[in-house]
N, C-alpha and C. Protein backbone atom coordinates (compact mmCIF):
# COMPACT_ATOMS: atom_id res chain seq x y z
N MET A 1 0.84 -1.17 0.00
CA MET A 1 0.00 0.00 0.00
C MET A 1 0.89 1.25 0.00
N TRP A 2 0.56 2.18 -0.85
CA TRP A 2 1.28 3.44 -0.92
C TRP A 2 0.83 4.35 0.22
N ARG A 3 1.80 5.04 0.84
CA ARG A 3 1.50 5.97 1.93
C ARG A 3 1.95 7.37 1.53
N ARG A 4 1.11 8.32 1.83
CA ARG A 4 1.40 9.73 1.55
C ARG A 4 1.74 10.42 2.86
N SER A 5 2.69 11.30 2.83
CA SER A 5 3.08 12.03 4.03
C SER A 5 1.92 12.85 4.55
N THR A 6 1.79 12.91 5.88
CA THR A 6 0.75 13.75 6.48
C THR A 6 1.06 15.22 6.28
N ARG A 7 2.28 15.54 5.93
CA ARG A 7 2.67 16.94 5.68
C ARG A 7 2.39 17.39 4.25
N SER A 8 1.87 16.51 3.44
CA SER A 8 1.64 16.85 2.04
C SER A 8 0.58 17.92 1.85
N GLY A 9 -0.42 17.95 2.71
CA GLY A 9 -1.47 18.95 2.58
C GLY A 9 -2.35 18.69 1.38
N GLU A 10 -3.02 19.71 0.94
CA GLU A 10 -3.99 19.59 -0.16
C GLU A 10 -3.46 20.13 -1.48
N THR A 11 -2.17 20.40 -1.55
CA THR A 11 -1.61 21.01 -2.76
C THR A 11 -1.49 20.03 -3.92
N GLY A 12 -1.45 18.75 -3.62
CA GLY A 12 -1.26 17.75 -4.67
C GLY A 12 0.20 17.50 -4.98
N ASN A 13 1.10 18.25 -4.33
CA ASN A 13 2.54 18.07 -4.51
C ASN A 13 3.06 17.17 -3.40
N CYS A 14 3.14 15.90 -3.65
CA CYS A 14 3.60 15.01 -2.60
C CYS A 14 4.30 13.79 -3.19
N VAL A 15 5.03 13.15 -2.32
CA VAL A 15 5.71 11.92 -2.66
C VAL A 15 5.10 10.82 -1.81
N GLU A 16 4.91 9.65 -2.41
CA GLU A 16 4.34 8.52 -1.69
C GLU A 16 5.41 7.44 -1.53
N LEU A 17 5.30 6.68 -0.47
CA LEU A 17 6.27 5.64 -0.15
C LEU A 17 5.57 4.30 -0.03
N ARG A 18 6.20 3.28 -0.52
CA ARG A 18 5.68 1.92 -0.36
C ARG A 18 6.81 1.06 0.19
N GLY A 19 6.69 0.73 1.45
CA GLY A 19 7.76 0.02 2.14
C GLY A 19 8.02 -1.39 1.65
N ASP A 20 6.97 -2.12 1.28
CA ASP A 20 7.18 -3.50 0.86
C ASP A 20 7.92 -3.60 -0.47
N LEU A 21 7.90 -2.53 -1.27
CA LEU A 21 8.65 -2.50 -2.52
C LEU A 21 9.93 -1.71 -2.40
N ALA A 22 10.09 -0.97 -1.28
CA ALA A 22 11.20 -0.03 -1.13
C ALA A 22 11.23 0.87 -2.36
N ALA A 23 10.15 1.60 -2.56
CA ALA A 23 10.03 2.46 -3.73
C ALA A 23 9.30 3.74 -3.36
N ILE A 24 9.53 4.77 -4.15
CA ILE A 24 8.82 6.04 -4.00
C ILE A 24 8.24 6.44 -5.35
N ARG A 25 7.21 7.30 -5.30
CA ARG A 25 6.62 7.80 -6.54
C ARG A 25 6.03 9.17 -6.28
N ASP A 26 5.80 9.91 -7.34
CA ASP A 26 5.11 11.19 -7.31
C ASP A 26 3.62 10.91 -7.45
N SER A 27 2.83 11.42 -6.54
CA SER A 27 1.40 11.12 -6.56
C SER A 27 0.70 11.64 -7.82
N LYS A 28 1.29 12.64 -8.48
CA LYS A 28 0.70 13.16 -9.72
C LYS A 28 1.04 12.27 -10.93
N SER A 29 2.03 11.41 -10.74
CA SER A 29 2.47 10.52 -11.82
C SER A 29 2.71 9.13 -11.23
N PRO A 30 1.63 8.46 -10.76
CA PRO A 30 1.80 7.21 -10.02
C PRO A 30 2.35 6.04 -10.83
N GLN A 31 2.34 6.10 -12.13
CA GLN A 31 2.88 5.01 -12.94
C GLN A 31 4.40 5.01 -12.94
N ALA A 32 5.03 6.12 -12.58
CA ALA A 32 6.48 6.22 -12.53
C ALA A 32 6.96 5.89 -11.12
N ILE A 33 7.54 4.72 -10.95
CA ILE A 33 7.98 4.25 -9.63
C ILE A 33 9.50 4.22 -9.61
N LEU A 34 10.08 4.73 -8.53
CA LEU A 34 11.53 4.74 -8.36
C LEU A 34 11.89 3.75 -7.25
N PRO A 35 12.40 2.57 -7.62
CA PRO A 35 12.82 1.62 -6.58
C PRO A 35 14.09 2.11 -5.90
N ILE A 36 14.15 1.96 -4.59
CA ILE A 36 15.35 2.34 -3.84
C ILE A 36 15.68 1.23 -2.85
N PRO A 37 16.96 1.07 -2.52
CA PRO A 37 17.35 0.03 -1.56
C PRO A 37 16.69 0.25 -0.20
N GLU A 38 16.41 -0.83 0.51
CA GLU A 38 15.73 -0.74 1.81
C GLU A 38 16.52 0.11 2.79
N VAL A 39 17.84 0.01 2.77
CA VAL A 39 18.67 0.81 3.67
C VAL A 39 18.46 2.30 3.39
N ALA A 40 18.40 2.66 2.12
CA ALA A 40 18.17 4.05 1.75
C ALA A 40 16.79 4.52 2.19
N THR A 41 15.80 3.63 2.13
CA THR A 41 14.45 3.97 2.57
C THR A 41 14.47 4.30 4.05
N ARG A 42 15.13 3.48 4.85
CA ARG A 42 15.20 3.74 6.29
C ARG A 42 15.93 5.04 6.59
N LYS A 43 17.01 5.32 5.87
CA LYS A 43 17.74 6.57 6.08
C LYS A 43 16.89 7.78 5.68
N LEU A 44 16.17 7.67 4.58
CA LEU A 44 15.31 8.75 4.13
C LEU A 44 14.23 9.03 5.18
N LEU A 45 13.58 7.98 5.68
CA LEU A 45 12.54 8.16 6.69
C LEU A 45 13.11 8.76 7.97
N GLY A 46 14.27 8.31 8.38
CA GLY A 46 14.91 8.87 9.57
C GLY A 46 15.20 10.35 9.40
N PHE A 47 15.70 10.71 8.24
CA PHE A 47 15.98 12.12 7.95
C PHE A 47 14.69 12.95 7.97
N LEU A 48 13.66 12.47 7.31
CA LEU A 48 12.41 13.22 7.25
C LEU A 48 11.76 13.36 8.62
N ARG A 49 11.86 12.33 9.44
CA ARG A 49 11.28 12.40 10.79
C ARG A 49 12.03 13.35 11.68
N SER A 50 13.29 13.60 11.42
CA SER A 50 14.09 14.49 12.26
C SER A 50 13.87 15.97 11.94
N ARG A 51 13.19 16.24 10.84
CA ARG A 51 12.95 17.63 10.44
C ARG A 51 11.75 18.20 11.18
N PRO A 52 11.81 19.49 11.49
CA PRO A 52 10.65 20.12 12.20
C PRO A 52 9.42 20.24 11.36
């Protein structure tokens, strides 16, 4: 299941994450999927969670 950040708001400009695939996509262009290594996914999430 794709998850959208709660910080995305209603602008339509957001990135979605799917943990079981270790992939991200632009919600405006959902057919374009960028697979990323699981380690990079964890680092990305850690970085995003540390931001105010």
